């Protein structure tokens, strides 16, 4: 597992390099969520141990919030760690970093882990309920299944879930 501060710093620095501007705090939190979920999708394990809180506009890591506000997200990630998680980072950057923060917020509102943590909390209320790794793993499994099905469709897969069995009766 990597240190959260280094992961957040890496995302900030990579975003600056790729987009020529600083990342806003909301987008940083959402990209960190997608990095966590993608690590579970691809590697079967989380990339960091800290838990997200299910805030009104999506997942938030309180430690990152403080580090961001204090301008302390400048701790480099080791080349070894970047290499180990490169496919995770590349997927998240290609799929999510190009979207605006509010779109990412909307996407995270569709995640089981966020909805489950906010169960019973009105939409317009803040909360600090934790999003569990178990629930994020459910989201990750959903993504894995969706990608598998899309891949089968693209390659002309003819598994039983794609055939009309009535014609064989």
C-alpha atoms as a PDB file:
ATOM      1  CA  UNK A   1       0.000   0.000   0.000  1.00  0.00           C
ATOM      2  CA  UNK A   2       1.152   3.501  -0.748  1.00  0.00           C
ATOM      3  CA  UNK A   3       1.035   6.556   1.467  1.00  0.00           C
ATOM      4  CA  UNK A   4      -2.046   8.696   0.815  1.00  0.00           C
ATOM      5  CA  UNK A   5      -0.111  11.975   0.868  1.00  0.00           C
ATOM      6  CA  UNK A   6       2.209  10.711  -1.883  1.00  0.00           C
ATOM      7  CA  UNK A   7      -0.690   9.427  -4.011  1.00  0.00           C
ATOM      8  CA  UNK A   8      -2.517  12.765  -3.687  1.00  0.00           C
ATOM      9  CA  UNK A   9       0.692  14.643  -4.486  1.00  0.00           C
ATOM     10  CA  UNK A  10       1.286  12.487  -7.553  1.00  0.00           C
ATOM     11  CA  UNK A  11      -2.230  13.196  -8.832  1.00  0.00           C
ATOM     12  CA  UNK A  12      -1.754  16.946  -8.277  1.00  0.00           C
ATOM     13  CA  UNK A  13       1.605  16.996 -10.061  1.00  0.00           C
ATOM     14  CA  UNK A  14       0.463  14.793 -12.944  1.00  0.00           C
ATOM     15  CA  UNK A  15      -2.665  16.884 -13.413  1.00  0.00           C
ATOM     16  CA  UNK A  16      -0.572  20.073 -13.512  1.00  0.00           C
ATOM     17  CA  UNK A  17       1.763  18.508 -16.078  1.00  0.00           C
ATOM     18  CA  UNK A  18      -0.993  17.110 -18.310  1.00  0.00           C
ATOM     19  CA  UNK A  19      -3.479  19.989 -18.141  1.00  0.00           C
ATOM     20  CA  UNK A  20      -1.254  22.996 -17.446  1.00  0.00           C
ATOM     21  CA  UNK A  21      -3.214  24.091 -14.377  1.00  0.00           C
ATOM     22  CA  UNK A  22      -3.662  23.140 -10.752  1.00  0.00           C
ATOM     23  CA  UNK A  23      -6.294  20.604  -9.853  1.00  0.00           C
ATOM     24  CA  UNK A  24      -9.181  21.875  -7.745  1.00  0.00           C
ATOM     25  CA  UNK A  25      -9.842  20.215  -4.418  1.00  0.00           C
ATOM     26  CA  UNK A  26     -13.163  18.632  -5.395  1.00  0.00           C
ATOM     27  CA  UNK A  27     -11.651  16.963  -8.450  1.00  0.00           C
ATOM     28  CA  UNK A  28      -8.703  15.709  -6.406  1.00  0.00           C
ATOM     29  CA  UNK A  29     -10.999  13.910  -3.950  1.00  0.00           C
ATOM     30  CA  UNK A  30     -13.014  12.346  -6.756  1.00  0.00           C
ATOM     31  CA  UNK A  31      -9.905  11.193  -8.636  1.00  0.00           C
ATOM     32  CA  UNK A  32      -8.594   9.677  -5.413  1.00  0.00           C
ATOM     33  CA  UNK A  33     -11.849   7.759  -5.062  1.00  0.00           C
ATOM     34  CA  UNK A  34     -11.587   6.478  -8.635  1.00  0.00           C
ATOM     35  CA  UNK A  35      -7.914   5.548  -8.086  1.00  0.00           C
ATOM     36  CA  UNK A  36      -8.906   3.565  -4.993  1.00  0.00           C
ATOM     37  CA  UNK A  37     -11.721   1.788  -6.841  1.00  0.00           C
ATOM     38  CA  UNK A  38      -9.565   1.152  -9.931  1.00  0.00           C
ATOM     39  CA  UNK A  39      -6.812  -0.351  -7.800  1.00  0.00           C
ATOM     40  CA  UNK A  40      -9.359  -2.820  -6.442  1.00  0.00           C
ATOM     41  CA  UNK A  41     -10.642  -3.495  -9.980  1.00  0.00           C
ATOM     42  CA  UNK A  42      -7.215  -4.157 -11.473  1.00  0.00           C
ATOM     43  CA  UNK A  43      -5.168  -5.478  -8.565  1.00  0.00           C
ATOM     44  CA  UNK A  44      -7.766  -6.722  -6.111  1.00  0.00           C
ATOM     45  CA  UNK A  45      -6.426  -4.520  -3.305  1.00  0.00           C
ATOM     46  CA  UNK A  46      -6.768  -0.883  -2.252  1.00  0.00           C
ATOM     47  CA  UNK A  47      -3.932   1.499  -3.038  1.00  0.00           C
ATOM     48  CA  UNK A  48      -4.147   3.274   0.355  1.00  0.00           C
ATOM     49  CA  UNK A  49      -5.741   2.487   3.721  1.00  0.00           C
ATOM     50  CA  UNK A  50      -7.528   5.742   4.608  1.00  0.00           C
ATOM     51  CA  UNK A  51     -11.324   5.825   4.434  1.00  0.00           C
ATOM     52  CA  UNK A  52     -13.419   8.330   2.555  1.00  0.00           C
ATOM     53  CA  UNK A  53     -16.237  10.221   4.182  1.00  0.00           C
ATOM     54  CA  UNK A  54     -19.515  10.449   2.253  1.00  0.00           C
ATOM     55  CA  UNK A  55     -19.848  14.215   2.048  1.00  0.00           C
ATOM     56  CA  UNK A  56     -22.689  15.995   0.318  1.00  0.00           C
ATOM     57  CA  UNK A  57     -20.869  16.327  -3.016  1.00  0.00           C
ATOM     58  CA  UNK A  58     -19.160  12.929  -2.946  1.00  0.00           C
ATOM     59  CA  UNK A  59     -16.228  11.120  -1.339  1.00  0.00           C
ATOM     60  CA  UNK A  60     -13.759  13.214   0.680  1.00  0.00           C
ATOM     61  CA  UNK A  61     -10.542  12.302   2.468  1.00  0.00           C
ATOM     62  CA  UNK A  62     -10.232  14.643   5.458  1.00  0.00           C
ATOM     63  CA  UNK A  63      -6.426  14.336   5.594  1.00  0.00           C
ATOM     64  CA  UNK A  64      -6.128  15.316   1.925  1.00  0.00           C
ATOM     65  CA  UNK A  65      -8.460  18.256   2.475  1.00  0.00           C
ATOM     66  CA  UNK A  66      -6.131  19.635   5.140  1.00  0.00           C
ATOM     67  CA  UNK A  67      -2.958  18.941   3.122  1.00  0.00           C
ATOM     68  CA  UNK A  68      -4.478  20.580   0.041  1.00  0.00           C
ATOM     69  CA  UNK A  69      -5.489  23.699   1.966  1.00  0.00           C
ATOM     70  CA  UNK A  70      -2.050  23.929   3.585  1.00  0.00           C
ATOM     71  CA  UNK A  71      -0.294  23.565   0.203  1.00  0.00           C
ATOM     72  CA  UNK A  72       1.458  20.399   1.377  1.00  0.00           C
ATOM     73  CA  UNK A  73       0.787  18.054  -1.548  1.00  0.00           C
ATOM     74  CA  UNK A  74       4.272  18.088  -2.978  1.00  0.00           C
ATOM     75  CA  UNK A  75       5.653  14.794  -1.705  1.00  0.00           C
ATOM     76  CA  UNK A  76       6.958  12.734  -4.634  1.00  0.00           C
ATOM     77  CA  UNK A  77       5.806   9.194  -5.228  1.00  0.00           C
ATOM     78  CA  UNK A  78       8.586   6.683  -5.767  1.00  0.00           C
ATOM     79  CA  UNK A  79       9.285   5.505  -9.306  1.00  0.00           C
ATOM     80  CA  UNK A  80       8.659   1.946  -8.099  1.00  0.00           C
ATOM     81  CA  UNK A  81       5.182   2.836  -6.824  1.00  0.00           C
ATOM     82  CA  UNK A  82       4.348   4.793  -9.984  1.00  0.00           C
ATOM     83  CA  UNK A  83       5.353   1.773 -12.049  1.00  0.00           C
ATOM     84  CA  UNK A  84       3.390  -0.629  -9.847  1.00  0.00           C
ATOM     85  CA  UNK A  85       0.189   1.428 -10.185  1.00  0.00           C
ATOM     86  CA  UNK A  86       0.754   2.951 -13.634  1.00  0.00           C
ATOM     87  CA  UNK A  87      -2.180   1.135 -15.252  1.00  0.00           C
ATOM     88  CA  UNK A  88      -4.447   2.315 -12.422  1.00  0.00           C
ATOM     89  CA  UNK A  89      -3.333   5.940 -12.753  1.00  0.00           C
ATOM     90  CA  UNK A  90      -3.491   5.837 -16.554  1.00  0.00           C
ATOM     91  CA  UNK A  91      -7.041   4.464 -16.548  1.00  0.00           C
ATOM     92  CA  UNK A  92      -8.270   7.069 -14.074  1.00  0.00           C
ATOM     93  CA  UNK A  93      -6.575   9.939 -15.886  1.00  0.00           C
ATOM     94  CA  UNK A  94      -7.833   8.902 -19.307  1.00  0.00           C
ATOM     95  CA  UNK A  95     -11.386   8.269 -18.128  1.00  0.00           C
ATOM     96  CA  UNK A  96     -11.991  10.806 -15.357  1.00  0.00           C
ATOM     97  CA  UNK A  97      -9.386  13.604 -15.198  1.00  0.00           C
ATOM     98  CA  UNK A  98     -10.786  15.217 -18.348  1.00  0.00           C
ATOM     99  CA  UNK A  99     -14.241  15.640 -16.738  1.00  0.00           C
ATOM    100  CA  UNK A 100     -15.174  18.679 -14.688  1.00  0.00           C
ATOM    101  CA  UNK A 101     -15.499  18.400 -10.918  1.00  0.00           C
ATOM    102  CA  UNK A 102     -19.290  18.573 -10.858  1.00  0.00           C
ATOM    103  CA  UNK A 103     -19.569  15.731 -13.377  1.00  0.00           C
ATOM    104  CA  UNK A 104     -17.257  13.639 -11.197  1.00  0.00           C
ATOM    105  CA  UNK A 105     -19.390  14.505  -8.180  1.00  0.00           C
ATOM    106  CA  UNK A 106     -22.470  13.258 -10.039  1.00  0.00           C
ATOM    107  CA  UNK A 107     -20.672  10.046 -10.986  1.00  0.00           C
ATOM    108  CA  UNK A 108     -19.694   9.346  -7.388  1.00  0.00           C
ATOM    109  CA  UNK A 109     -23.321   9.859  -6.324  1.00  0.00           C
ATOM    110  CA  UNK A 110     -24.125   6.786  -8.415  1.00  0.00           C
ATOM    111  CA  UNK A 111     -21.651   4.645  -6.490  1.00  0.00           C
ATOM    112  CA  UNK A 112     -23.082   2.100  -4.057  1.00  0.00           C
ATOM    113  CA  UNK A 113     -20.386   2.914  -1.486  1.00  0.00           C
ATOM    114  CA  UNK A 114     -21.371   6.596  -1.329  1.00  0.00           C
ATOM    115  CA  UNK A 115     -25.130   5.942  -1.340  1.00  0.00           C
ATOM    116  CA  UNK A 116     -24.817   3.229   1.324  1.00  0.00           C
ATOM    117  CA  UNK A 117     -22.757   5.464   3.625  1.00  0.00           C
ATOM    118  CA  UNK A 118     -25.338   8.246   3.252  1.00  0.00           C
ATOM    119  CA  UNK A 119     -28.363   6.028   3.796  1.00  0.00           C
ATOM    120  CA  UNK A 120     -30.946   8.027   5.743  1.00  0.00           C
ATOM    121  CA  UNK A 121     -29.088  11.338   5.304  1.00  0.00           C
ATOM    122  CA  UNK A 122     -31.014  14.007   3.350  1.00  0.00           C
ATOM    123  CA  UNK A 123     -29.355  15.031   0.073  1.00  0.00           C
ATOM    124  CA  UNK A 124     -28.825  18.628   1.223  1.00  0.00           C
ATOM    125  CA  UNK A 125     -27.181  17.649   4.529  1.00  0.00           C
ATOM    126  CA  UNK A 126     -23.509  17.172   5.256  1.00  0.00           C
ATOM    127  CA  UNK A 127     -22.333  13.983   6.904  1.00  0.00           C
ATOM    128  CA  UNK A 128     -19.095  12.344   7.957  1.00  0.00           C
ATOM    129  CA  UNK A 129     -20.155   8.708   7.595  1.00  0.00           C
ATOM    130  CA  UNK A 130     -17.338   6.466   6.398  1.00  0.00           C
ATOM    131  CA  UNK A 131     -17.377   4.695   3.050  1.00  0.00           C
ATOM    132  CA  UNK A 132     -16.095   1.191   3.727  1.00  0.00           C
ATOM    133  CA  UNK A 133     -13.570  -0.655   1.587  1.00  0.00           C
ATOM    134  CA  UNK A 134     -16.071  -3.492   1.422  1.00  0.00           C
ATOM    135  CA  UNK A 135     -18.606  -1.195  -0.227  1.00  0.00           C
ATOM    136  CA  UNK A 136     -16.001   0.262  -2.596  1.00  0.00           C
ATOM    137  CA  UNK A 137     -15.157  -3.337  -3.501  1.00  0.00           C
ATOM    138  CA  UNK A 138     -18.807  -3.830  -4.492  1.00  0.00           C
ATOM    139  CA  UNK A 139     -18.475  -0.829  -6.814  1.00  0.00           C
ATOM    140  CA  UNK A 140     -15.229  -2.289  -8.169  1.00  0.00           C
ATOM    141  CA  UNK A 141     -16.877  -5.638  -8.880  1.00  0.00           C
ATOM    142  CA  UNK A 142     -19.684  -3.866 -10.711  1.00  0.00           C
ATOM    143  CA  UNK A 143     -17.094  -2.113 -12.906  1.00  0.00           C
ATOM    144  CA  UNK A 144     -15.240  -5.387 -13.575  1.00  0.00           C
ATOM    145  CA  UNK A 145     -18.484  -7.066 -14.636  1.00  0.00           C
ATOM    146  CA  UNK A 146     -19.452  -4.153 -16.874  1.00  0.00           C
ATOM    147  CA  UNK A 147     -16.040  -4.151 -18.563  1.00  0.00           C
ATOM    148  CA  UNK A 148     -16.181  -7.909 -19.093  1.00  0.00           C
ATOM    149  CA  UNK A 149     -19.617  -7.673 -20.709  1.00  0.00           C
ATOM    150  CA  UNK A 150     -18.597  -4.740 -22.894  1.00  0.00           C
ATOM    151  CA  UNK A 151     -15.468  -6.573 -23.966  1.00  0.00           C
ATOM    152  CA  UNK A 152     -17.518  -9.650 -24.893  1.00  0.00           C
ATOM    153  CA  UNK A 153     -19.920  -7.496 -26.898  1.00  0.00           C
ATOM    154  CA  UNK A 154     -17.082  -5.787 -28.748  1.00  0.00           C
ATOM    155  CA  UNK A 155     -15.395  -9.062 -29.626  1.00  0.00           C
ATOM    156  CA  UNK A 156     -18.631 -10.736 -30.666  1.00  0.00           C
ATOM    157  CA  UNK A 157     -18.754 -12.960 -27.613  1.00  0.00           C
ATOM    158  CA  UNK A 158     -21.477 -15.562 -27.815  1.00  0.00           C
ATOM    159  CA  UNK A 159     -21.608 -16.729 -24.240  1.00  0.00           C
ATOM    160  CA  UNK A 160     -24.924 -18.037 -22.952  1.00  0.00           C
ATOM    161  CA  UNK A 161     -25.846 -14.645 -21.593  1.00  0.00           C
ATOM    162  CA  UNK A 162     -25.894 -13.297 -25.171  1.00  0.00           C
ATOM    163  CA  UNK A 163     -27.818 -16.067 -26.930  1.00  0.00           C
ATOM    164  CA  UNK A 164     -31.530 -16.562 -27.315  1.00  0.00           C
ATOM    165  CA  UNK A 165     -32.082 -19.980 -25.785  1.00  0.00           C
ATOM    166  CA  UNK A 166     -35.745 -20.128 -26.859  1.00  0.00           C
ATOM    167  CA  UNK A 167     -34.721 -20.794 -30.453  1.00  0.00           C
ATOM    168  CA  UNK A 168     -32.889 -23.921 -29.258  1.00  0.00           C
ATOM    169  CA  UNK A 169     -35.931 -25.437 -27.518  1.00  0.00           C
END
